[in-house]
Protein backbone atom coordinates (compact mmCIF):
# COMPACT_ATOMS: atom_id res chain seq x y z
CA MET A 1 0.51 -34.76 22.68
CA ASN A 2 -0.81 -37.14 19.73
CA LYS A 3 1.16 -39.30 17.99
CA PRO A 4 1.81 -38.55 14.07
CA SER A 5 -0.10 -40.73 12.05
CA ASP A 6 1.70 -42.99 9.32
CA ASN A 7 -0.39 -42.22 6.08
CA SER A 8 2.88 -42.22 3.82
CA GLN A 9 1.31 -45.78 2.97
CA ASP A 10 -1.85 -44.80 1.70
CA ARG A 11 -0.12 -41.40 0.02
CA THR A 12 2.57 -44.30 -1.47
CA LEU A 13 -0.50 -45.56 -3.46
CA ILE A 14 -1.98 -42.27 -4.59
CA GLU A 15 1.92 -41.55 -6.43
CA LEU A 16 1.35 -44.91 -7.78
CA GLU A 17 -1.84 -44.83 -9.12
CA ARG A 18 -0.78 -41.03 -10.21
CA GLU A 19 1.97 -42.80 -12.11
CA ARG A 20 -0.10 -45.35 -13.69
CA GLY A 21 -2.06 -43.24 -15.28
CA LEU A 22 1.27 -41.05 -17.07
CA GLY A 23 1.64 -44.07 -19.71
CA GLY A 24 0.94 -41.25 -22.63
CA ALA A 25 2.74 -38.01 -24.35
CA GLY A 26 1.30 -35.61 -22.22
CA GLU A 27 1.73 -32.31 -23.05
CA LEU A 28 5.37 -30.38 -23.56
CA ASP A 29 6.39 -27.29 -22.44
CA SER A 30 10.01 -26.67 -23.54
CA THR A 31 9.72 -22.95 -22.96
CA ARG A 32 10.28 -23.94 -18.90
CA GLN A 33 13.57 -24.45 -17.73
CA VAL A 34 14.95 -26.62 -14.76
CA PRO A 35 17.38 -24.56 -13.02
CA VAL A 36 21.13 -24.38 -13.23
CA ILE A 37 22.71 -23.21 -9.72
CA ASP A 38 26.88 -22.83 -10.35
CA LEU A 39 28.44 -23.97 -6.67
CA GLU A 40 31.91 -21.85 -8.25
CA ALA A 41 29.82 -19.14 -8.04
CA LEU A 42 27.94 -19.26 -5.02
CA SER A 43 30.44 -19.72 -2.19
CA SER A 44 28.69 -18.74 1.09
CA THR A 45 26.27 -21.16 2.75
CA GLU A 46 24.40 -17.97 2.63
CA GLN A 47 24.31 -18.00 -0.99
CA LEU A 48 23.83 -21.49 -1.74
CA ASP A 49 21.55 -22.85 0.90
CA PRO A 50 18.23 -20.40 0.06
CA THR A 51 19.00 -21.20 -3.82
CA LEU A 52 19.25 -24.68 -3.92
CA TRP A 53 16.03 -25.09 -1.44
CA GLN A 54 14.28 -22.64 -3.88
CA ALA A 55 14.80 -24.62 -6.80
CA ALA A 56 13.90 -27.86 -4.72
CA VAL A 57 11.19 -26.60 -3.40
CA ASP A 58 9.95 -25.01 -6.81
CA CYS A 59 11.31 -28.09 -9.06
CA GLY A 60 12.37 -31.16 -7.38
CA PHE A 61 15.07 -31.01 -9.97
CA PHE A 62 17.86 -28.49 -10.83
CA GLN A 63 21.46 -28.92 -12.46
CA LEU A 64 25.10 -28.16 -10.88
CA ARG A 65 27.80 -26.33 -12.47
CA GLY A 66 31.19 -25.51 -10.90
CA HIS A 67 31.05 -29.08 -9.18
CA GLY A 68 34.61 -30.17 -9.52
CA PHE A 69 34.30 -32.77 -12.09
CA ASP A 70 36.25 -32.34 -15.33
CA VAL A 71 34.49 -32.99 -18.64
CA GLU A 72 37.57 -35.55 -19.80
CA GLU A 73 37.13 -37.69 -16.30
CA LEU A 74 33.73 -38.15 -16.75
CA ASN A 75 34.55 -39.02 -20.47
CA ALA A 76 37.14 -41.73 -19.18
CA VAL A 77 34.17 -42.56 -16.67
CA PHE A 78 31.64 -43.35 -19.54
CA ASP A 79 34.59 -44.85 -21.48
CA ALA A 80 35.08 -47.46 -18.92
CA ALA A 81 31.35 -48.22 -18.52
CA VAL A 82 30.54 -48.42 -22.41
CA ALA A 83 33.50 -51.26 -22.28
CA PHE A 84 31.66 -52.74 -19.94
CA PHE A 85 27.69 -52.97 -21.28
CA GLU A 86 29.78 -53.63 -24.86
CA LEU A 87 30.91 -57.54 -23.10
CA PRO A 88 28.99 -60.48 -24.31
CA GLU A 89 25.65 -60.63 -22.05
CA LYS A 90 27.26 -64.47 -20.54
CA VAL A 91 29.82 -62.71 -19.41
CA LYS A 92 27.69 -59.80 -17.63
CA SER A 93 25.16 -62.53 -16.56
CA GLY A 94 27.86 -63.93 -14.52
CA TRP A 95 27.44 -60.79 -12.35
CA PRO A 96 23.62 -60.58 -11.43
CA LEU A 97 21.65 -58.34 -9.39
CA ARG A 98 21.15 -60.51 -6.43
CA ASP A 99 17.78 -60.29 -4.72
CA GLY A 100 17.65 -57.23 -2.47
CA SER A 101 20.98 -56.05 -3.11
CA ASN A 102 20.92 -53.68 -5.00
CA ALA A 103 24.52 -54.62 -6.32
CA GLY A 104 25.40 -56.51 -9.76
CA TRP A 105 24.37 -56.17 -13.46
CA GLU A 106 20.39 -56.66 -14.85
CA SER A 107 18.30 -56.11 -17.97
CA MET A 108 15.08 -55.31 -18.86
CA ALA A 109 14.11 -55.87 -15.31
CA GLN A 110 12.26 -52.82 -14.42
CA VAL A 111 8.59 -52.37 -15.04
CA ARG A 112 7.12 -48.79 -14.27
CA PRO A 113 3.53 -48.74 -13.15
CA SER A 114 3.59 -46.42 -15.43
CA THR A 115 3.67 -48.38 -18.69
CA GLY A 116 3.24 -51.75 -17.59
CA SER A 117 6.44 -52.76 -19.86
CA PRO A 118 10.24 -52.85 -18.84
CA ASP A 119 11.98 -50.27 -19.50
CA GLN A 120 14.11 -50.81 -22.43
CA LYS A 121 17.75 -50.91 -20.86
CA GLU A 122 20.48 -53.00 -19.00
CA SER A 123 22.26 -51.56 -16.19
CA TYR A 124 25.13 -52.10 -13.19
CA GLN A 125 24.61 -51.23 -9.88
CA VAL A 126 27.82 -50.47 -7.41
CA THR A 127 26.77 -50.51 -3.71
CA ARG A 128 30.14 -50.89 -1.78
CA PRO A 129 29.13 -53.50 1.14
CA ARG A 130 27.31 -55.36 -1.63
CA MET A 131 30.23 -56.51 -4.35
CA THR A 132 31.72 -59.64 -3.31
CA GLY A 133 32.14 -61.60 -6.72
CA LEU A 134 30.13 -58.86 -8.59
CA TRP A 135 33.89 -57.31 -9.60
CA PRO A 136 34.82 -57.61 -13.67
CA ASP A 137 39.22 -58.45 -12.97
CA ASP A 138 41.69 -56.45 -14.49
CA ALA A 139 42.23 -59.32 -17.10
CA GLN A 140 38.46 -58.42 -18.69
CA LEU A 141 37.98 -54.71 -17.76
CA PRO A 142 41.74 -53.32 -16.60
CA GLY A 143 41.29 -50.71 -14.18
CA PHE A 144 37.37 -50.67 -13.88
CA ARG A 145 36.72 -51.42 -10.83
CA ALA A 146 39.65 -48.48 -9.34
CA ILE A 147 37.89 -46.10 -12.15
CA MET A 148 34.18 -47.25 -10.58
CA GLU A 149 35.10 -46.66 -7.54
CA ASP A 150 37.16 -43.78 -7.20
CA PHE A 151 33.75 -41.73 -9.20
CA GLU A 152 31.50 -43.55 -6.50
CA ALA A 153 33.36 -41.95 -3.53
CA ARG A 154 33.36 -38.40 -5.42
CA ALA A 155 29.73 -38.10 -6.54
CA TRP A 156 28.73 -39.43 -2.58
CA GLN A 157 30.63 -35.95 -1.20
CA LEU A 158 29.04 -33.88 -3.88
CA ALA A 159 25.73 -35.31 -3.01
CA MET A 160 26.72 -34.91 0.37
CA ARG A 161 27.43 -31.56 -0.17
CA VAL A 162 24.40 -30.35 -1.51
CA LEU A 163 21.79 -32.45 1.26
CA SER A 164 24.26 -30.80 3.73
CA SER A 165 22.70 -27.36 2.49
CA PHE A 166 19.56 -29.12 3.09
CA ALA A 167 20.28 -30.34 6.54
CA ARG A 168 20.68 -26.41 7.40
CA SER A 169 17.62 -24.98 5.85
CA LEU A 170 15.56 -28.11 7.76
CA GLY A 171 17.47 -27.23 10.87
CA PHE A 172 18.97 -29.99 11.33
CA ASP A 173 23.20 -29.88 11.58
CA GLU A 174 25.31 -29.46 8.83
CA ALA A 175 26.64 -33.40 8.82
CA PHE A 176 23.95 -34.98 9.80
CA PHE A 177 23.41 -35.80 6.45
CA ALA A 178 26.44 -37.14 6.07
CA ARG A 179 26.22 -39.30 8.71
CA ALA A 180 22.92 -40.59 7.89
CA HIS A 181 25.34 -41.97 4.20
CA ALA A 182 28.55 -42.99 6.23
CA PRO A 183 30.49 -44.86 3.55
CA GLU A 184 32.31 -46.85 6.23
CA SER A 185 29.16 -48.26 7.74
CA GLU A 186 28.02 -52.20 7.02
CA HIS A 187 24.77 -50.52 6.48
CA TYR A 188 25.79 -48.52 3.60
CA GLN A 189 23.38 -48.51 0.71
CA SER A 190 23.83 -45.61 -1.82
CA THR A 191 24.53 -46.99 -5.15
CA LEU A 192 26.47 -45.69 -8.53
CA ARG A 193 24.09 -46.70 -11.41
CA LEU A 194 26.24 -47.37 -14.92
CA LEU A 195 22.93 -47.47 -17.50
CA HIS A 196 22.93 -48.25 -21.11
CA TYR A 197 19.44 -47.34 -22.96
CA PHE A 198 19.69 -49.38 -26.23
CA PRO A 199 18.86 -48.51 -29.52
CA VAL A 200 15.22 -47.03 -30.38
CA GLY A 201 13.90 -46.92 -33.54
CA PRO A 202 12.24 -43.44 -34.20
CA ARG A 203 8.11 -44.00 -33.20
CA PRO A 204 6.14 -44.04 -37.03
CA ALA A 205 4.08 -40.99 -36.97
CA GLY A 206 0.36 -42.56 -34.94
CA ALA A 207 1.85 -45.03 -32.84
CA PRO A 208 1.97 -45.54 -29.18
CA GLU A 209 4.35 -43.72 -27.00
CA GLN A 210 7.68 -45.82 -26.37
CA TRP A 211 9.92 -44.56 -23.37
CA ARG A 212 13.24 -45.66 -22.44
CA ALA A 213 11.69 -45.49 -18.82
CA GLY A 214 8.27 -45.06 -17.78
CA ALA A 215 7.52 -42.18 -15.35
CA HIS A 216 8.02 -42.49 -12.03
CA THR A 217 10.00 -41.05 -8.50
CA ASP A 218 13.19 -41.66 -7.40
CA PHE A 219 13.11 -43.27 -3.64
CA ASP A 220 16.35 -41.80 -2.75
CA CYS A 221 17.16 -38.79 -1.20
CA LEU A 222 18.78 -37.07 -3.43
CA THR A 223 19.91 -38.36 -6.75
CA LEU A 224 22.76 -36.82 -9.04
CA LEU A 225 22.67 -37.79 -13.07
CA PHE A 226 25.72 -37.41 -15.10
CA GLN A 227 24.62 -37.08 -19.02
CA ARG A 228 26.70 -36.96 -22.05
CA ASP A 229 26.26 -34.29 -24.53
CA GLY A 230 23.35 -35.07 -27.39
CA GLN A 231 21.76 -38.15 -25.46
CA ASP A 232 18.59 -36.54 -24.54
CA GLY A 233 15.56 -38.09 -23.50
CA LEU A 234 15.03 -36.58 -20.22
CA GLN A 235 12.32 -35.26 -18.70
CA VAL A 236 10.20 -33.89 -15.87
CA CYS A 237 6.89 -33.18 -14.54
CA PRO A 238 7.37 -30.94 -11.56
CA GLY A 239 4.69 -30.15 -8.86
CA ALA A 240 0.99 -29.47 -9.63
CA GLU A 241 2.17 -29.72 -13.12
CA SER A 242 1.78 -33.84 -12.46
CA GLN A 243 -1.93 -33.30 -12.33
CA SER A 244 -1.85 -32.04 -16.17
CA SER A 245 0.63 -33.99 -17.43
CA VAL A 246 3.20 -31.19 -18.45
CA TRP A 247 6.72 -32.30 -19.20
CA THR A 248 9.88 -30.76 -19.45
CA PRO A 249 12.89 -31.22 -21.40
CA VAL A 250 16.19 -31.76 -20.11
CA PRO A 251 18.77 -31.54 -22.60
CA ALA A 252 22.03 -33.73 -21.63
CA GLN A 253 25.08 -31.68 -21.32
CA SER A 254 28.19 -33.60 -19.96
CA ASP A 255 29.23 -30.09 -18.27
CA LEU A 256 26.22 -30.04 -16.01
CA ILE A 257 25.08 -32.51 -13.27
CA THR A 258 21.53 -33.16 -13.08
CA CYS A 259 19.96 -33.63 -9.10
CA ASN A 260 16.80 -34.49 -8.20
CA ILE A 261 14.76 -34.98 -4.81
CA GLY A 262 13.70 -38.64 -4.38
CA ASP A 263 11.07 -39.81 -1.89
CA MET A 264 13.21 -40.82 0.97
CA LEU A 265 13.89 -36.89 1.29
CA MET A 266 10.58 -35.96 0.92
CA ARG A 267 9.22 -37.53 3.98
CA TRP A 268 12.38 -36.80 5.97
CA SER A 269 11.86 -33.07 5.12
CA ASP A 270 7.66 -33.50 6.01
CA ASP A 271 6.99 -32.63 2.77
CA LYS A 272 8.68 -29.42 2.09
CA LEU A 273 10.76 -30.90 -0.42
CA ARG A 274 8.95 -32.88 -3.45
CA SER A 275 10.29 -35.83 -5.23
CA THR A 276 9.60 -35.10 -8.64
CA LEU A 277 7.89 -37.43 -11.74
CA HIS A 278 10.95 -38.26 -14.32
CA ARG A 279 10.82 -40.34 -17.69
CA VAL A 280 12.65 -41.17 -20.92
CA ARG A 281 11.24 -40.66 -24.03
CA ALA A 282 12.38 -42.52 -27.24
CA PRO A 283 13.80 -41.15 -29.99
CA GLU A 284 10.60 -39.39 -32.21
CA SER A 285 10.85 -39.23 -36.04
CA GLY A 286 13.95 -37.41 -37.83
CA GLU A 287 16.18 -38.63 -34.80
CA ALA A 288 18.77 -41.09 -34.43
CA ALA A 289 17.84 -44.28 -33.11
CA ALA A 290 21.11 -44.20 -30.95
CA ASP A 291 21.97 -45.79 -27.76
CA ARG A 292 22.17 -43.54 -24.52
CA TYR A 293 24.49 -44.09 -21.60
CA THR A 294 23.84 -42.11 -18.38
CA ILE A 295 25.70 -42.96 -14.50
CA ALA A 296 23.70 -42.32 -11.50
CA PHE A 297 24.56 -41.63 -8.14
CA PHE A 298 21.54 -42.25 -5.54
CA ALA A 299 22.27 -41.20 -1.75
CA GLN A 300 20.16 -43.43 -0.28
CA ALA A 301 20.71 -43.00 3.91
CA ASN A 302 21.98 -46.08 5.69
CA ARG A 303 19.51 -48.92 6.05
CA ASP A 304 19.50 -48.79 9.97
CA GLN A 305 19.41 -44.81 9.96
CA LEU A 306 15.93 -43.51 11.48
CA ILE A 307 13.75 -41.50 9.39
CA GLU A 308 12.46 -38.74 10.97
CA GLY A 309 10.96 -34.98 9.81
CA PRO A 310 12.14 -31.98 12.13
CA LEU A 311 8.28 -31.08 12.80
CA GLY A 312 7.36 -35.28 13.11
CA LYS A 313 4.44 -35.13 9.88
CA TYR A 314 5.46 -39.20 10.39
CA PRO A 315 6.43 -41.44 12.65
CA PRO A 316 10.19 -42.65 12.64
CA ILE A 317 11.11 -45.21 10.40
CA THR A 318 14.30 -46.63 9.38
CA ALA A 319 15.94 -46.56 5.47
CA HIS A 320 15.34 -50.26 5.25
CA ASP A 321 11.89 -50.88 6.19
CA TYR A 322 11.43 -47.41 4.50
CA LEU A 323 12.58 -49.24 1.12
CA GLN A 324 10.85 -51.88 1.21
CA GLN A 325 7.52 -50.42 1.60
CA ARG A 326 8.19 -48.76 -1.47
CA ILE A 327 9.33 -51.66 -3.58
CA ALA A 328 6.64 -53.62 -1.95
CA ALA A 329 3.83 -51.17 -2.74
CA ASN A 330 5.52 -51.12 -6.94
CA PHE A 331 5.31 -54.77 -6.74
CA SER A 332 1.86 -54.86 -5.65
CA GLU A 333 0.71 -52.29 -7.99
CA ARG A 334 2.36 -54.58 -10.63
CA SER A 335 0.76 -57.48 -10.02
CA SER A 336 -2.76 -55.91 -9.12
């Protein structure tokens, strides 16, 4: 039997070239809606699995309700995140993002191929095994570490519930992705990211488009995004629509958790599940130039986990090597 050829690098470059051409406004389709799935209403796997699968195949984005997170609880987590970002920059810089660690604080550091300029945000990354020396103490932010560690653990549980559904649909055993993302492993690399988008004034008529975050796909298996009521800006460009740059807004609601498929799961599913381009727009004329806060959980398989789809479309590759491949391609694109 012929071995599968690894054309994933070529595909990555094609994806990056596509991203690079998406710096403009494109078209807006406000009639399309991202699917909303009620986990409480779909109590059996026979109900849940085809519903999640169809949403992931059709759009790559979906929103969850009935997820077990109380809005008041989420508000407390957001309040802790806001308190962190309100610290002086001199203090936050004492917990810097370390190269290759995806842990710590950074500001204006992510440059997207779609824009060629830094995203207008700062972020603080929590990756469990890599946090030595990167936590504020209780004198600086009382209870901050305990809040974030508990929230990260609960976000992991929800992500594994969704990924377990995909595992069943792909023919893996139910606990397959939970083992691949085992938090007790020293190779664990899933990340909780607190995000603060800076206030940006409304774009004057005729001025170039502004993006708080340029168009991109995520590198991980699954992203959970927690948003706050009224802090809009997220737009998605699913599937074939990306060829003509048709964007759909995803209104921010505190009671809904927005999920999207990442590149890692796309490879793991032999491209059956597709990662979806998304971006965060700046305020438009007439909108308040306010801060925007979100919290994202990125489910990334452990560094030593082998990624191999059920059909063997691509050769096996470790999660570490796959992420390094994607990161290297982005840096290459940035410098070209």
